[in-house]
Amino acid sequence: MTGTDKQLLHLVFGGELSAVGSMEFADLSKLDIVGIYPNYKTAYDAWKQAAQGSVDNAQTRYFIVHLHRLLDPEATTG
């Protein structure tokens, strides 16, 4: 990221879901907070690595949350 790039924060996290196809986590205390990233590209790379590392567990899912949209609902990019 250069000094001219706008910071668009993204959170990557995941964990085991209560059932395949569900959006409910089996145990919130076991969520894997991968990290917070300054742009979508780096968040996607982290998500991909975490998701590929859990490929053997069909109930484990990782997500990217666009934090910048929560912090600034007027933002429409990223």
PDB file of N, CA and C in Angstrom:
ATOM      1  N   MET A   1       0.844  -1.176   0.000  1.00  0.00           N
ATOM      2  CA  MET A   1       0.000   0.000   0.000  1.00  0.00           C
ATOM      3  C   MET A   1       0.882   1.229   0.000  1.00  0.00           C
ATOM      4  N   THR A   2       0.601   2.131  -0.908  1.00  0.00           N
ATOM      5  CA  THR A   2       1.376   3.359  -0.968  1.00  0.00           C
ATOM      6  C   THR A   2       0.682   4.438  -0.164  1.00  0.00           C
ATOM      7  N   GLY A   3       1.366   5.550   0.030  1.00  0.00           N
ATOM      8  CA  GLY A   3       0.803   6.649   0.800  1.00  0.00           C
ATOM      9  C   GLY A   3      -0.436   7.266   0.169  1.00  0.00           C
ATOM     10  N   THR A   4      -0.652   7.047  -1.138  1.00  0.00           N
ATOM     11  CA  THR A   4      -1.803   7.625  -1.812  1.00  0.00           C
ATOM     12  C   THR A   4      -3.013   6.701  -1.835  1.00  0.00           C
ATOM     13  N   ASP A   5      -2.845   5.431  -1.478  1.00  0.00           N
ATOM     14  CA  ASP A   5      -3.963   4.490  -1.455  1.00  0.00           C
ATOM     15  C   ASP A   5      -4.865   4.780  -0.265  1.00  0.00           C
ATOM     16  N   LYS A   6      -6.176   4.695  -0.501  1.00  0.00           N
ATOM     17  CA  LYS A   6      -7.138   4.885   0.582  1.00  0.00           C
ATOM     18  C   LYS A   6      -7.203   3.608   1.412  1.00  0.00           C
ATOM     19  N   GLN A   7      -7.178   3.749   2.713  1.00  0.00           N
ATOM     20  CA  GLN A   7      -7.244   2.603   3.617  1.00  0.00           C
ATOM     21  C   GLN A   7      -8.689   2.104   3.686  1.00  0.00           C
ATOM     22  N   LEU A   8      -8.906   0.856   3.283  1.00  0.00           N
ATOM     23  CA  LEU A   8     -10.225   0.229   3.320  1.00  0.00           C
ATOM     24  C   LEU A   8     -10.100  -1.053   4.139  1.00  0.00           C
ATOM     25  N   LEU A   9     -10.366  -0.957   5.432  1.00  0.00           N
ATOM     26  CA  LEU A   9     -10.138  -2.075   6.348  1.00  0.00           C
ATOM     27  C   LEU A   9     -11.068  -3.254   6.095  1.00  0.00           C
ATOM     28  N   HIS A  10     -10.486  -4.469   6.165  1.00  0.00           N
ATOM     29  CA  HIS A  10     -11.219  -5.719   5.990  1.00  0.00           C
ATOM     30  C   HIS A  10     -10.807  -6.689   7.093  1.00  0.00           C
ATOM     31  N   LEU A  11     -11.780  -7.379   7.653  1.00  0.00           N
ATOM     32  CA  LEU A  11     -11.561  -8.391   8.683  1.00  0.00           C
ATOM     33  C   LEU A  11     -11.716  -9.777   8.062  1.00  0.00           C
ATOM     34  N   VAL A  12     -10.783 -10.667   8.350  1.00  0.00           N
ATOM     35  CA  VAL A  12     -10.874 -12.060   7.902  1.00  0.00           C
ATOM     36  C   VAL A  12     -11.004 -12.930   9.150  1.00  0.00           C
ATOM     37  N   PHE A  13     -12.059 -13.738   9.186  1.00  0.00           N
ATOM     38  CA  PHE A  13     -12.269 -14.633  10.321  1.00  0.00           C
ATOM     39  C   PHE A  13     -13.039 -15.857   9.853  1.00  0.00           C
ATOM     40  N   GLY A  14     -13.058 -16.877  10.703  1.00  0.00           N
ATOM     41  CA  GLY A  14     -13.806 -18.077  10.357  1.00  0.00           C
ATOM     42  C   GLY A  14     -13.879 -19.029  11.524  1.00  0.00           C
ATOM     43  N   GLY A  15     -14.449 -20.170  11.247  1.00  0.00           N
ATOM     44  CA  GLY A  15     -14.586 -21.195  12.267  1.00  0.00           C
ATOM     45  C   GLY A  15     -15.525 -22.283  11.800  1.00  0.00           C
ATOM     46  N   GLU A  16     -15.768 -23.218  12.678  1.00  0.00           N
ATOM     47  CA  GLU A  16     -16.637 -24.345  12.349  1.00  0.00           C
ATOM     48  C   GLU A  16     -18.101 -23.934  12.498  1.00  0.00           C
ATOM     49  N   LEU A  17     -18.884 -24.198  11.462  1.00  0.00           N
ATOM     50  CA  LEU A  17     -20.307 -23.885  11.490  1.00  0.00           C
ATOM     51  C   LEU A  17     -21.081 -25.018  12.161  1.00  0.00           C
ATOM     52  N   SER A  18     -22.260 -24.695  12.680  1.00  0.00           N
ATOM     53  CA  SER A  18     -23.068 -25.712  13.356  1.00  0.00           C
ATOM     54  C   SER A  18     -23.586 -26.763  12.377  1.00  0.00           C
ATOM     55  N   ALA A  19     -23.719 -26.396  11.096  1.00  0.00           N
ATOM     56  CA  ALA A  19     -24.139 -27.343  10.061  1.00  0.00           C
ATOM     57  C   ALA A  19     -23.688 -26.810   8.707  1.00  0.00           C
ATOM     58  N   VAL A  20     -23.425 -27.709   7.777  1.00  0.00           N
ATOM     59  CA  VAL A  20     -23.070 -27.294   6.418  1.00  0.00           C
ATOM     60  C   VAL A  20     -24.231 -26.477   5.857  1.00  0.00           C
ATOM     61  N   GLY A  21     -23.932 -25.343   5.280  1.00  0.00           N
ATOM     62  CA  GLY A  21     -24.972 -24.479   4.733  1.00  0.00           C
ATOM     63  C   GLY A  21     -25.528 -23.482   5.737  1.00  0.00           C
ATOM     64  N   SER A  22     -25.130 -23.601   6.980  1.00  0.00           N
ATOM     65  CA  SER A  22     -25.569 -22.686   8.030  1.00  0.00           C
ATOM     66  C   SER A  22     -24.630 -21.483   8.095  1.00  0.00           C
ATOM     67  N   MET A  23     -25.098 -20.398   8.663  1.00  0.00           N
ATOM     68  CA  MET A  23     -24.245 -19.236   8.918  1.00  0.00           C
ATOM     69  C   MET A  23     -24.049 -19.055  10.426  1.00  0.00           C
ATOM     70  N   GLU A  24     -24.348 -20.102  11.205  1.00  0.00           N
ATOM     71  CA  GLU A  24     -24.199 -20.059  12.656  1.00  0.00           C
ATOM     72  C   GLU A  24     -22.979 -20.873  13.053  1.00  0.00           C
ATOM     73  N   PHE A  25     -22.130 -20.272  13.892  1.00  0.00           N
ATOM     74  CA  PHE A  25     -20.916 -20.965  14.326  1.00  0.00           C
ATOM     75  C   PHE A  25     -21.218 -21.929  15.466  1.00  0.00           C
ATOM     76  N   ALA A  26     -20.532 -23.057  15.446  1.00  0.00           N
ATOM     77  CA  ALA A  26     -20.735 -24.095  16.460  1.00  0.00           C
ATOM     78  C   ALA A  26     -20.288 -23.615  17.834  1.00  0.00           C
ATOM     79  N   ASP A  27     -19.178 -22.881  17.907  1.00  0.00           N
ATOM     80  CA  ASP A  27     -18.627 -22.435  19.189  1.00  0.00           C
ATOM     81  C   ASP A  27     -17.928 -21.093  18.978  1.00  0.00           C
ATOM     82  N   LEU A  28     -18.557 -20.018  19.406  1.00  0.00           N
ATOM     83  CA  LEU A  28     -18.002 -18.674  19.202  1.00  0.00           C
ATOM     84  C   LEU A  28     -16.651 -18.479  19.884  1.00  0.00           C
ATOM     85  N   SER A  29     -16.390 -19.231  20.938  1.00  0.00           N
ATOM     86  CA  SER A  29     -15.107 -19.093  21.638  1.00  0.00           C
ATOM     87  C   SER A  29     -13.946 -19.656  20.815  1.00  0.00           C
ATOM     88  N   LYS A  30     -14.270 -20.390  19.764  1.00  0.00           N
ATOM     89  CA  LYS A  30     -13.227 -20.983  18.931  1.00  0.00           C
ATOM     90  C   LYS A  30     -13.094 -20.318  17.559  1.00  0.00           C
ATOM     91  N   LEU A  31     -13.653 -19.119  17.408  1.00  0.00           N
ATOM     92  CA  LEU A  31     -13.498 -18.404  16.145  1.00  0.00           C
ATOM     93  C   LEU A  31     -12.027 -18.125  15.887  1.00  0.00           C
ATOM     94  N   ASP A  32     -11.637 -18.235  14.644  1.00  0.00           N
ATOM     95  CA  ASP A  32     -10.275 -17.935  14.223  1.00  0.00           C
ATOM     96  C   ASP A  32     -10.272 -16.541  13.609  1.00  0.00           C
ATOM     97  N   ILE A  33      -9.734 -15.574  14.355  1.00  0.00           N
ATOM     98  CA  ILE A  33      -9.606 -14.208  13.850  1.00  0.00           C
ATOM     99  C   ILE A  33      -8.266 -14.154  13.122  1.00  0.00           C
ATOM    100  N   VAL A  34      -8.316 -14.197  11.798  1.00  0.00           N
ATOM    101  CA  VAL A  34      -7.095 -14.245  10.996  1.00  0.00           C
ATOM    102  C   VAL A  34      -6.397 -12.890  11.054  1.00  0.00           C
ATOM    103  N   GLY A  35      -7.164 -11.797  10.904  1.00  0.00           N
ATOM    104  CA  GLY A  35      -6.557 -10.479  10.999  1.00  0.00           C
ATOM    105  C   GLY A  35      -7.386  -9.397  10.345  1.00  0.00           C
ATOM    106  N   ILE A  36      -6.887  -8.177  10.460  1.00  0.00           N
ATOM    107  CA  ILE A  36      -7.486  -7.001   9.831  1.00  0.00           C
ATOM    108  C   ILE A  36      -6.472  -6.491   8.817  1.00  0.00           C
ATOM    109  N   TYR A  37      -6.960  -6.210   7.608  1.00  0.00           N
ATOM    110  CA  TYR A  37      -6.083  -5.872   6.487  1.00  0.00           C
ATOM    111  C   TYR A  37      -6.473  -4.525   5.876  1.00  0.00           C
ATOM    112  N   PRO A  38      -5.505  -3.821   5.277  1.00  0.00           N
ATOM    113  CA  PRO A  38      -5.743  -2.459   4.792  1.00  0.00           C
ATOM    114  C   PRO A  38      -6.466  -2.368   3.452  1.00  0.00           C
ATOM    115  N   ASN A  39      -6.647  -3.505   2.774  1.00  0.00           N
ATOM    116  CA  ASN A  39      -7.346  -3.479   1.487  1.00  0.00           C
ATOM    117  C   ASN A  39      -7.870  -4.878   1.171  1.00  0.00           C
ATOM    118  N   TYR A  40      -8.728  -4.956   0.171  1.00  0.00           N
ATOM    119  CA  TYR A  40      -9.362  -6.224  -0.166  1.00  0.00           C
ATOM    120  C   TYR A  40      -8.350  -7.262  -0.660  1.00  0.00           C
ATOM    121  N   LYS A  41      -7.384  -6.848  -1.443  1.00  0.00           N
ATOM    122  CA  LYS A  41      -6.390  -7.779  -2.011  1.00  0.00           C
ATOM    123  C   LYS A  41      -5.661  -8.553  -0.913  1.00  0.00           C
ATOM    124  N   THR A  42      -5.148  -7.850   0.092  1.00  0.00           N
ATOM    125  CA  THR A  42      -4.424  -8.545   1.156  1.00  0.00           C
ATOM    126  C   THR A  42      -5.371  -9.387   2.014  1.00  0.00           C
ATOM    127  N   ALA A  43      -6.604  -8.900   2.198  1.00  0.00           N
ATOM    128  CA  ALA A  43      -7.598  -9.682   2.938  1.00  0.00           C
ATOM    129  C   ALA A  43      -7.946 -10.958   2.180  1.00  0.00           C
ATOM    130  N   TYR A  44      -8.112 -10.848   0.872  1.00  0.00           N
ATOM    131  CA  TYR A  44      -8.431 -12.014   0.053  1.00  0.00           C
ATOM    132  C   TYR A  44      -7.314 -13.054   0.114  1.00  0.00           C
ATOM    133  N   ASP A  45      -6.082 -12.588   0.041  1.00  0.00           N
ATOM    134  CA  ASP A  45      -4.943 -13.510   0.117  1.00  0.00           C
ATOM    135  C   ASP A  45      -4.930 -14.261   1.452  1.00  0.00           C
ATOM    136  N   ALA A  46      -5.209 -13.539   2.554  1.00  0.00           N
ATOM    137  CA  ALA A  46      -5.257 -14.164   3.884  1.00  0.00           C
ATOM    138  C   ALA A  46      -6.438 -15.130   3.980  1.00  0.00           C
ATOM    139  N   TRP A  47      -7.599 -14.724   3.438  1.00  0.00           N
ATOM    140  CA  TRP A  47      -8.780 -15.589   3.431  1.00  0.00           C
ATOM    141  C   TRP A  47      -8.495 -16.880   2.672  1.00  0.00           C
ATOM    142  N   LYS A  48      -7.891 -16.756   1.504  1.00  0.00           N
ATOM    143  CA  LYS A  48      -7.604 -17.920   0.665  1.00  0.00           C
ATOM    144  C   LYS A  48      -6.681 -18.902   1.390  1.00  0.00           C
ATOM    145  N   GLN A  49      -5.656 -18.389   2.031  1.00  0.00           N
ATOM    146  CA  GLN A  49      -4.727 -19.243   2.761  1.00  0.00           C
ATOM    147  C   GLN A  49      -5.444 -19.958   3.912  1.00  0.00           C
ATOM    148  N   ALA A  50      -6.259 -19.234   4.666  1.00  0.00           N
ATOM    149  CA  ALA A  50      -6.986 -19.843   5.789  1.00  0.00           C
ATOM    150  C   ALA A  50      -7.995 -20.871   5.285  1.00  0.00           C
ATOM    151  N   ALA A  51      -8.715 -20.530   4.228  1.00  0.00           N
ATOM    152  CA  ALA A  51      -9.723 -21.444   3.681  1.00  0.00           C
ATOM    153  C   ALA A  51      -9.075 -22.708   3.140  1.00  0.00           C
ATOM    154  N   GLN A  52      -7.963 -22.576   2.449  1.00  0.00           N
ATOM    155  CA  GLN A  52      -7.276 -23.754   1.910  1.00  0.00           C
ATOM    156  C   GLN A  52      -6.715 -24.629   3.028  1.00  0.00           C
ATOM    157  N   GLY A  53      -6.361 -24.018   4.144  1.00  0.00           N
ATOM    158  CA  GLY A  53      -5.846 -24.767   5.280  1.00  0.00           C
ATOM    159  C   GLY A  53      -6.912 -25.565   6.009  1.00  0.00           C
ATOM    160  N   SER A  54      -8.183 -25.253   5.742  1.00  0.00           N
ATOM    161  CA  SER A  54      -9.278 -25.953   6.417  1.00  0.00           C
ATOM    162  C   SER A  54     -10.111 -26.781   5.447  1.00  0.00           C
ATOM    163  N   VAL A  55      -9.566 -27.053   4.281  1.00  0.00           N
ATOM    164  CA  VAL A  55     -10.317 -27.730   3.224  1.00  0.00           C
ATOM    165  C   VAL A  55     -10.807 -29.122   3.638  1.00  0.00           C
ATOM    166  N   ASP A  56     -10.152 -29.767   4.588  1.00  0.00           N
ATOM    167  CA  ASP A  56     -10.551 -31.108   5.017  1.00  0.00           C
ATOM    168  C   ASP A  56     -11.769 -31.106   5.940  1.00  0.00           C
ATOM    169  N   ASN A  57     -12.185 -29.948   6.427  1.00  0.00           N
ATOM    170  CA  ASN A  57     -13.355 -29.857   7.300  1.00  0.00           C
ATOM    171  C   ASN A  57     -14.458 -29.102   6.565  1.00  0.00           C
ATOM    172  N   ALA A  58     -15.462 -29.831   6.089  1.00  0.00           N
ATOM    173  CA  ALA A  58     -16.541 -29.237   5.294  1.00  0.00           C
ATOM    174  C   ALA A  58     -17.349 -28.202   6.064  1.00  0.00           C
ATOM    175  N   GLN A  59     -17.312 -28.236   7.383  1.00  0.00           N
ATOM    176  CA  GLN A  59     -18.107 -27.305   8.177  1.00  0.00           C
ATOM    177  C   GLN A  59     -17.339 -26.046   8.572  1.00  0.00           C
ATOM    178  N   THR A  60     -16.087 -25.945   8.183  1.00  0.00           N
ATOM    179  CA  THR A  60     -15.308 -24.752   8.518  1.00  0.00           C
ATOM    180  C   THR A  60     -15.357 -23.768   7.357  1.00  0.00           C
ATOM    181  N   ARG A  61     -15.692 -22.528   7.661  1.00  0.00           N
ATOM    182  CA  ARG A  61     -15.785 -21.481   6.656  1.00  0.00           C
ATOM    183  C   ARG A  61     -15.060 -20.232   7.140  1.00  0.00           C
ATOM    184  N   TYR A  62     -14.493 -19.514   6.187  1.00  0.00           N
ATOM    185  CA  TYR A  62     -13.846 -18.229   6.452  1.00  0.00           C
ATOM    186  C   TYR A  62     -14.557 -17.145   5.665  1.00  0.00           C
ATOM    187  N   PHE A  63     -14.560 -15.942   6.237  1.00  0.00           N
ATOM    188  CA  PHE A  63     -15.295 -14.821   5.658  1.00  0.00           C
ATOM    189  C   PHE A  63     -14.431 -13.570   5.636  1.00  0.00           C
ATOM    190  N   ILE A  64     -14.761 -12.683   4.710  1.00  0.00           N
ATOM    191  CA  ILE A  64     -14.149 -11.352   4.652  1.00  0.00           C
ATOM    192  C   ILE A  64     -15.259 -10.347   4.958  1.00  0.00           C
ATOM    193  N   VAL A  65     -15.040  -9.515   5.960  1.00  0.00           N
ATOM    194  CA  VAL A  65     -15.993  -8.468   6.327  1.00  0.00           C
ATOM    195  C   VAL A  65     -15.388  -7.130   5.931  1.00  0.00           C
ATOM    196  N   HIS A  66     -16.157  -6.336   5.214  1.00  0.00           N
ATOM    197  CA  HIS A  66     -15.719  -5.011   4.779  1.00  0.00           C
ATOM    198  C   HIS A  66     -15.922  -4.027   5.939  1.00  0.00           C
ATOM    199  N   LEU A  67     -14.938  -3.957   6.827  1.00  0.00           N
ATOM    200  CA  LEU A  67     -15.059  -3.084   7.999  1.00  0.00           C
ATOM    201  C   LEU A  67     -15.234  -1.628   7.615  1.00  0.00           C
ATOM    202  N   HIS A  68     -14.587  -1.210   6.542  1.00  0.00           N
ATOM    203  CA  HIS A  68     -14.676   0.190   6.132  1.00  0.00           C
ATOM    204  C   HIS A  68     -16.121   0.574   5.809  1.00  0.00           C
ATOM    205  N   ARG A  69     -16.933  -0.374   5.373  1.00  0.00           N
ATOM    206  CA  ARG A  69     -18.349  -0.080   5.093  1.00  0.00           C
ATOM    207  C   ARG A  69     -19.140   0.095   6.383  1.00  0.00           C
ATOM    208  N   LEU A  70     -18.729  -0.580   7.430  1.00  0.00           N
ATOM    209  CA  LEU A  70     -19.391  -0.412   8.725  1.00  0.00           C
ATOM    210  C   LEU A  70     -18.966   0.904   9.377  1.00  0.00           C
ATOM    211  N   LEU A  71     -17.690   1.260   9.198  1.00  0.00           N
ATOM    212  CA  LEU A  71     -17.169   2.477   9.794  1.00  0.00           C
ATOM    213  C   LEU A  71     -17.649   3.721   9.041  1.00  0.00           C
ATOM    214  N   ASP A  72     -17.829   3.577   7.713  1.00  0.00           N
ATOM    215  CA  ASP A  72     -18.270   4.691   6.888  1.00  0.00           C
ATOM    216  C   ASP A  72     -19.297   4.170   5.885  1.00  0.00           C
ATOM    217  N   PRO A  73     -20.571   4.109   6.288  1.00  0.00           N
ATOM    218  CA  PRO A  73     -21.618   3.559   5.418  1.00  0.00           C
ATOM    219  C   PRO A  73     -21.762   4.281   4.076  1.00  0.00           C
ATOM    220  N   GLU A  74     -21.235   5.478   3.972  1.00  0.00           N
ATOM    221  CA  GLU A  74     -21.291   6.234   2.718  1.00  0.00           C
ATOM    222  C   GLU A  74     -20.299   5.698   1.688  1.00  0.00           C
ATOM    223  N   ALA A  75     -19.286   4.951   2.131  1.00  0.00           N
ATOM    224  CA  ALA A  75     -18.258   4.422   1.213  1.00  0.00           C
ATOM    225  C   ALA A  75     -18.885   3.368   0.302  1.00  0.00           C
ATOM    226  N   THR A  76     -18.524   3.417  -0.974  1.00  0.00           N
ATOM    227  CA  THR A  76     -19.117   2.471  -1.918  1.00  0.00           C
ATOM    228  C   THR A  76     -18.075   1.644  -2.639  1.00  0.00           C
ATOM    229  N   THR A  77     -16.786   1.858  -2.388  1.00  0.00           N
ATOM    230  CA  THR A  77     -15.756   1.094  -3.086  1.00  0.00           C
ATOM    231  C   THR A  77     -15.142   0.062  -2.176  1.00  0.00           C
ATOM    232  N   GLY A  78     -14.513  -0.955  -2.799  1.00  0.00           N
ATOM    233  CA  GLY A  78     -13.764  -1.984  -2.062  1.00  0.00           C
ATOM    234  C   GLY A  78     -14.653  -2.962  -1.452  1.00  0.00           C
TER     235      GLY A  78
END
